[in-house]
Amino acid sequence: MIDSHCHLEFDDFVGQVDEVLARASAVGVVQMLTIGCSLSRAEAAIQIAQQHEQVFAAIGVHPETYGGDGQEGPDLVDPDQAVVRLRELAQSTDRVKAIGECGLDYHRPEHAATAEQQKPLLRAQLELARELGLPVVFHIREAFDDALPILADYADELRGVVHSFTGDLFEAKQVLEQGWSIGLNGIHTFGDASLDEVVQELPLDRILLETDAPFLTPVPHRGKRPNEPAHVIHVAEKVAEL
């Protein structure tokens, strides 16, 4: 198995990465993609990937950064400056395998208020992915109406995954029609019937399993933090059940 989306560079795993990877290996998780979702976290993700052969890195700037949740704060950098640094990091090593996570997030009022700042940041990272020939990890939350037209502009040239998908069936079909894959995680073990119905309609070859560790710990460990890559097995079991 592969955990296609985790955050091993978060503080939850300081001094514990070796043990976390050992537990993952014990249940058959052979590779994972750790997602550096700010400039500083991108550097940390690369460092972890360079130290552990089963770990690869994705680097990008998360849309919540503009809402004040990013490590660098709400006034991080402009899109052009962010891309300059991301390009430098991506070209510095062969351990970077994707750009992201990037996207649009309107879940909280403070995030929705920055929609017009989020959009150019997303486009800038898509342009970088096209330049470097890398796939993209998308974060889209309560923003499909704005995000899908942007993604459509790049669908013929890029590959990628909409991670932690919680949209409805109509949105899932739009994502699939554009050629993107869909990431499923612990949320999909929580017993939401509407999400179960969406998962049942997805082609298996377009599903990527993920944990989003240290977040979204799946049943039967729901509510415990940190989540970790070993728990992707529970996501796999739920998808198989459905």
Protein backbone atom coordinates (compact mmCIF):
# COMPACT_ATOMS: atom_id res chain seq x y z
CA MET A 1 0.00 0.00 0.00
CA ILE A 2 0.91 3.63 -0.45
CA ASP A 3 -0.16 6.53 1.75
CA SER A 4 -0.56 9.19 -0.90
CA HIS A 5 -0.95 12.10 1.52
CA CYS A 6 0.56 12.60 4.97
CA HIS A 7 2.43 15.31 6.85
CA LEU A 8 5.43 13.70 8.52
CA GLU A 9 7.04 17.12 8.92
CA PHE A 10 4.44 18.23 11.48
CA ASP A 11 5.48 18.60 15.11
CA ASP A 12 3.44 15.51 16.06
CA PHE A 13 6.18 13.36 14.54
CA VAL A 14 9.31 15.09 15.82
CA GLY A 15 11.74 12.40 16.92
CA GLN A 16 9.28 9.66 15.97
CA VAL A 17 9.55 9.30 12.20
CA ASP A 18 11.58 6.08 12.33
CA GLU A 19 9.01 4.43 14.60
CA VAL A 20 6.11 5.70 12.47
CA LEU A 21 7.70 4.27 9.34
CA ALA A 22 8.37 0.95 11.05
CA ARG A 23 4.71 0.62 12.04
CA ALA A 24 3.67 1.48 8.49
CA SER A 25 5.99 -1.13 7.03
CA ALA A 26 4.65 -3.75 9.43
CA VAL A 27 1.16 -3.47 7.91
CA GLY A 28 2.34 -3.31 4.31
CA VAL A 29 2.64 0.43 3.66
CA VAL A 30 5.69 0.54 1.43
CA GLN A 31 5.74 4.19 0.33
CA MET A 32 4.26 7.52 1.32
CA LEU A 33 4.11 11.08 0.09
CA THR A 34 4.69 13.70 2.76
CA ILE A 35 3.15 17.04 1.88
CA GLY A 36 5.01 20.25 2.68
CA CYS A 37 2.19 22.78 2.51
CA SER A 38 4.13 25.98 3.20
CA LEU A 39 7.61 27.09 2.19
CA SER A 40 9.18 26.14 5.50
CA ARG A 41 7.28 22.87 5.71
CA ALA A 42 8.32 22.11 2.14
CA GLU A 43 11.95 22.25 3.19
CA ALA A 44 11.22 19.96 6.13
CA ALA A 45 9.33 17.50 3.92
CA ILE A 46 12.26 17.29 1.53
CA GLN A 47 14.66 16.67 4.39
CA ILE A 48 12.55 13.76 5.64
CA ALA A 49 12.28 12.32 2.13
CA GLN A 50 16.04 12.51 1.70
CA GLN A 51 16.55 10.61 4.94
CA HIS A 52 14.06 7.80 4.31
CA GLU A 53 13.94 5.87 1.04
CA GLN A 54 10.24 5.00 1.34
CA VAL A 55 9.21 8.65 1.70
CA PHE A 56 8.82 11.15 -1.13
CA ALA A 57 7.82 14.81 -0.93
CA ALA A 58 5.24 17.12 -2.43
CA ILE A 59 5.78 20.84 -1.99
CA GLY A 60 3.36 23.72 -2.28
CA VAL A 61 1.53 26.52 -0.52
CA HIS A 62 -1.80 25.64 1.08
CA PRO A 63 -4.72 28.02 0.41
CA GLU A 64 -5.39 28.44 4.14
CA THR A 65 -2.13 30.35 4.36
CA TYR A 66 -3.99 33.48 3.31
CA GLY A 67 -6.47 32.94 6.13
CA GLY A 68 -3.77 33.05 8.76
CA ASP A 69 -3.40 29.29 9.29
CA GLY A 70 -0.15 28.91 7.40
CA GLN A 71 3.11 28.67 9.29
CA GLU A 72 4.36 31.89 7.74
CA GLY A 73 1.15 33.80 8.44
CA PRO A 74 -1.49 35.37 6.23
CA ASP A 75 0.90 37.70 4.38
CA LEU A 76 3.22 34.88 3.26
CA VAL A 77 4.47 35.95 -0.17
CA ASP A 78 2.92 36.80 -3.47
CA PRO A 79 2.40 33.93 -5.92
CA ASP A 80 5.43 34.78 -8.03
CA GLN A 81 7.73 34.82 -5.01
CA ALA A 82 6.29 31.54 -3.75
CA VAL A 83 6.86 29.86 -7.10
CA VAL A 84 10.47 31.04 -7.26
CA ARG A 85 11.22 29.28 -3.99
CA LEU A 86 9.18 26.18 -4.84
CA ARG A 87 11.03 25.87 -8.15
CA GLU A 88 14.38 26.10 -6.36
CA LEU A 89 13.34 23.40 -3.91
CA ALA A 90 11.91 21.08 -6.56
CA GLN A 91 15.03 21.34 -8.70
CA SER A 92 17.35 20.77 -5.75
CA THR A 93 16.49 17.08 -5.35
CA ASP A 94 14.91 14.08 -7.05
CA ARG A 95 12.78 13.41 -3.96
CA VAL A 96 10.08 15.92 -4.93
CA LYS A 97 7.37 14.05 -6.84
CA ALA A 98 4.44 16.51 -6.87
CA ILE A 99 3.38 20.12 -6.41
CA GLY A 100 0.90 20.78 -3.62
CA GLU A 101 -1.10 20.75 -1.73
CA CYS A 102 -2.60 23.75 -3.42
CA GLY A 103 -6.13 24.81 -4.20
CA LEU A 104 -9.04 26.81 -2.85
CA ASP A 105 -10.60 26.69 0.61
CA TYR A 106 -13.71 28.68 1.54
CA HIS A 107 -14.66 26.64 4.61
CA ARG A 108 -14.17 29.42 7.15
CA PRO A 109 -15.24 33.03 6.67
CA GLU A 110 -11.65 34.26 6.97
CA HIS A 111 -10.65 31.88 4.17
CA ALA A 112 -13.57 32.72 1.91
CA ALA A 113 -12.65 36.39 2.29
CA THR A 114 -9.31 35.68 0.61
CA ALA A 115 -10.75 33.90 -2.44
CA GLU A 116 -9.31 36.41 -4.89
CA GLN A 117 -5.85 35.96 -3.37
CA GLN A 118 -6.10 32.17 -3.38
CA LYS A 119 -6.91 31.88 -7.09
CA PRO A 120 -3.68 33.38 -8.50
CA LEU A 121 -1.66 31.35 -6.00
CA LEU A 122 -3.32 28.19 -7.30
CA ARG A 123 -2.73 29.13 -10.93
CA ALA A 124 0.91 29.97 -10.24
CA GLN A 125 1.49 26.53 -8.76
CA LEU A 126 -0.29 24.85 -11.66
CA GLU A 127 1.97 26.70 -14.06
CA LEU A 128 4.97 25.48 -12.07
CA ALA A 129 3.72 21.90 -12.18
CA ARG A 130 3.35 22.18 -15.95
CA GLU A 131 6.85 23.62 -16.27
CA LEU A 132 8.40 20.85 -14.16
CA GLY A 133 6.24 18.01 -15.48
CA LEU A 134 5.00 17.10 -12.01
CA PRO A 135 1.54 15.98 -10.87
CA VAL A 136 -0.52 18.13 -8.51
CA VAL A 137 -2.08 17.50 -5.10
CA PHE A 138 -5.24 19.60 -4.80
CA HIS A 139 -6.95 20.86 -1.66
CA ILE A 140 -10.51 21.96 -2.50
CA ARG A 141 -12.98 22.61 0.29
CA GLU A 142 -16.36 24.23 -0.29
CA ALA A 143 -14.90 25.83 -3.42
CA PHE A 144 -15.62 23.46 -6.31
CA ASP A 145 -17.57 26.06 -8.30
CA ASP A 146 -14.48 28.26 -8.50
CA ALA A 147 -11.85 25.53 -8.55
CA LEU A 148 -13.12 23.25 -11.30
CA PRO A 149 -12.96 25.85 -14.10
CA ILE A 150 -9.35 26.58 -13.11
CA LEU A 151 -8.47 22.88 -13.04
CA ALA A 152 -10.11 22.44 -16.43
CA ASP A 153 -7.60 24.84 -17.96
CA TYR A 154 -4.81 22.38 -17.09
CA ALA A 155 -6.58 19.04 -17.32
CA ASP A 156 -5.15 18.15 -20.73
CA GLU A 157 -1.56 18.68 -19.59
CA LEU A 158 -1.37 17.72 -15.92
CA ARG A 159 -2.11 14.75 -13.71
CA GLY A 160 -3.20 15.04 -10.13
CA VAL A 161 -5.46 14.13 -7.24
CA VAL A 162 -8.17 16.00 -5.36
CA HIS A 163 -7.18 14.92 -1.88
CA SER A 164 -9.59 14.37 1.02
CA PHE A 165 -12.57 14.47 -1.31
CA THR A 166 -15.84 15.29 0.45
CA GLY A 167 -17.86 16.59 -2.48
CA ASP A 168 -21.08 15.16 -3.85
CA LEU A 169 -21.48 12.75 -6.75
CA PHE A 170 -21.93 15.53 -9.30
CA GLU A 171 -18.64 17.12 -8.22
CA ALA A 172 -16.91 13.74 -8.22
CA LYS A 173 -18.02 13.10 -11.80
CA GLN A 174 -16.69 16.51 -12.86
CA VAL A 175 -13.33 15.75 -11.24
CA LEU A 176 -13.16 12.38 -12.98
CA GLU A 177 -14.25 13.77 -16.34
CA GLN A 178 -11.34 16.21 -16.22
CA GLY A 179 -8.99 13.27 -15.67
CA TRP A 180 -8.06 13.82 -12.02
CA SER A 181 -7.98 11.14 -9.33
CA ILE A 182 -9.75 11.29 -5.98
CA GLY A 183 -8.13 10.88 -2.55
CA LEU A 184 -9.99 9.05 0.22
CA ASN A 185 -9.02 9.07 3.89
CA GLY A 186 -10.31 8.65 7.43
CA ILE A 187 -13.32 10.86 6.75
CA HIS A 188 -14.65 8.05 4.58
CA THR A 189 -14.68 5.64 7.55
CA PHE A 190 -16.93 7.87 9.67
CA GLY A 191 -20.22 6.44 8.42
CA ASP A 192 -21.48 9.31 6.26
CA ALA A 193 -24.00 7.61 3.95
CA SER A 194 -23.77 10.32 1.30
CA LEU A 195 -19.99 9.92 1.07
CA ASP A 196 -20.37 6.14 0.98
CA GLU A 197 -22.60 6.50 -2.07
CA VAL A 198 -19.98 8.63 -3.82
CA VAL A 199 -17.21 6.13 -3.08
CA GLN A 200 -19.31 3.29 -4.47
CA GLU A 201 -19.48 5.08 -7.82
CA LEU A 202 -15.74 5.73 -8.16
CA PRO A 203 -13.63 3.58 -10.49
CA LEU A 204 -10.96 1.80 -8.49
CA ASP A 205 -8.17 2.97 -10.78
CA ARG A 206 -8.99 6.60 -9.95
CA ILE A 207 -8.87 6.23 -6.15
CA LEU A 208 -5.79 7.13 -4.10
CA LEU A 209 -5.71 6.10 -0.45
CA GLU A 210 -4.37 8.55 2.10
CA THR A 211 -4.29 9.35 5.80
CA ASP A 212 -3.69 13.12 5.92
CA ALA A 213 -1.75 12.25 9.08
CA PRO A 214 -1.56 13.60 11.74
CA PHE A 215 -5.18 14.58 11.05
CA LEU A 216 -8.40 12.63 10.32
CA THR A 217 -7.62 9.42 12.19
CA PRO A 218 -9.90 6.69 10.80
CA VAL A 219 -12.24 4.35 12.62
CA PRO A 220 -11.41 2.35 14.77
CA HIS A 221 -8.97 4.95 16.14
CA ARG A 222 -11.11 8.01 15.42
CA GLY A 223 -10.49 10.94 17.74
CA LYS A 224 -6.90 10.00 18.52
CA ARG A 225 -4.01 12.15 17.34
CA PRO A 226 -1.66 11.73 15.69
CA ASN A 227 -3.02 9.72 12.83
CA GLU A 228 -0.19 7.96 10.99
CA PRO A 229 0.50 6.19 7.67
CA ALA A 230 -0.06 2.71 9.14
CA HIS A 231 -3.74 3.61 9.52
CA VAL A 232 -4.24 3.84 5.77
CA ILE A 233 -5.06 0.13 6.00
CA HIS A 234 -8.37 1.06 7.64
CA VAL A 235 -9.21 3.35 4.73
CA ALA A 236 -8.41 0.51 2.33
CA GLU A 237 -10.65 -1.86 4.27
CA LYS A 238 -13.55 0.60 4.17
CA VAL A 239 -13.21 1.16 0.43
CA ALA A 240 -13.12 -2.62 -0.11
CA GLU A 241 -16.23 -3.00 2.03
CA LEU A 242 -18.12 -0.43 -0.02
